[in-house]
């Protein structure tokens, strides 16, 4: 195929235009053998048995455990990324091993045999939606085995992807980074990222079999005003007032320096969110 021929990745708003051999902004998808493919499919960099509460999920299967799997790549580039070693990496930057969906389900069943509180699999640590096909394939097999399929994500994927995954996700925590398009651009998102994430939240909230929670990391001087939290929480309440919102404290990582979010700010913004939402939790305090 001619090197001048290109194709567009349609998974997220970046819409990366790729030629043979190139990878997208997420570094997890690229064009190989004449098509855009999930290069990071099944390539796990991280595997750990985590409490449900760590995802964080506050109102779903409390006390349970999830076999948490992560790969590499992300379609946002938040300057405070806490998992930048894998989320901002490509296939040659990190160590990984291929784990098929069948093997991941088998490992989870083994974990359940040793730890009966194990309830399923969580796709987390990097951005799972960059290899959404793996989330789909694992979910189908997990459900056959009586296991839950959990998504921890930035939610920045186009509607056709979320429509396929929604019935296969039993619980999700979506990062709502901030509540302006400018904030998402600062996080490396495309022009439509803010709208795309909100559409994802609405779609998952509408799925009867999916339990949804949302996290907002409060970054000093960026998204820490009462007005922004009031707008964010009011919008969530309009989607579903039963959604649990996690208001969490930022600590400097990767490209960011300076101090963490004052604890008093986190608690004050949580109180603002409670004006609209009954289930508001604070984290990292």
Foldseek 3Di string as FASTA:
>chain_A
DDQVDWAFDAWFPVRDIAGEPDADQFQQWHDHPHDIARNQQQWWQDWDKAFCCVLPDDPPLHPAIATETETATAQWAAQQQPLCQGHVDHDVSGHTDGAALVRVLVVQVVVCVVPVRYAAHEYDSHACSSNLVNLLVNLVVQVVVRHAREYEHQQRTADVSLVSCLVSHQEYEHELAFQDLVLRVNRVHDSCRNVRSLVSQLSNLPRPRYQYAYEYEDAPPRHQDLVRLLVVLQVVVVSPLAHAYEYEKGQGDRNDDDGIDPPVSSVVSQVSSCVRHVHYHYYPD
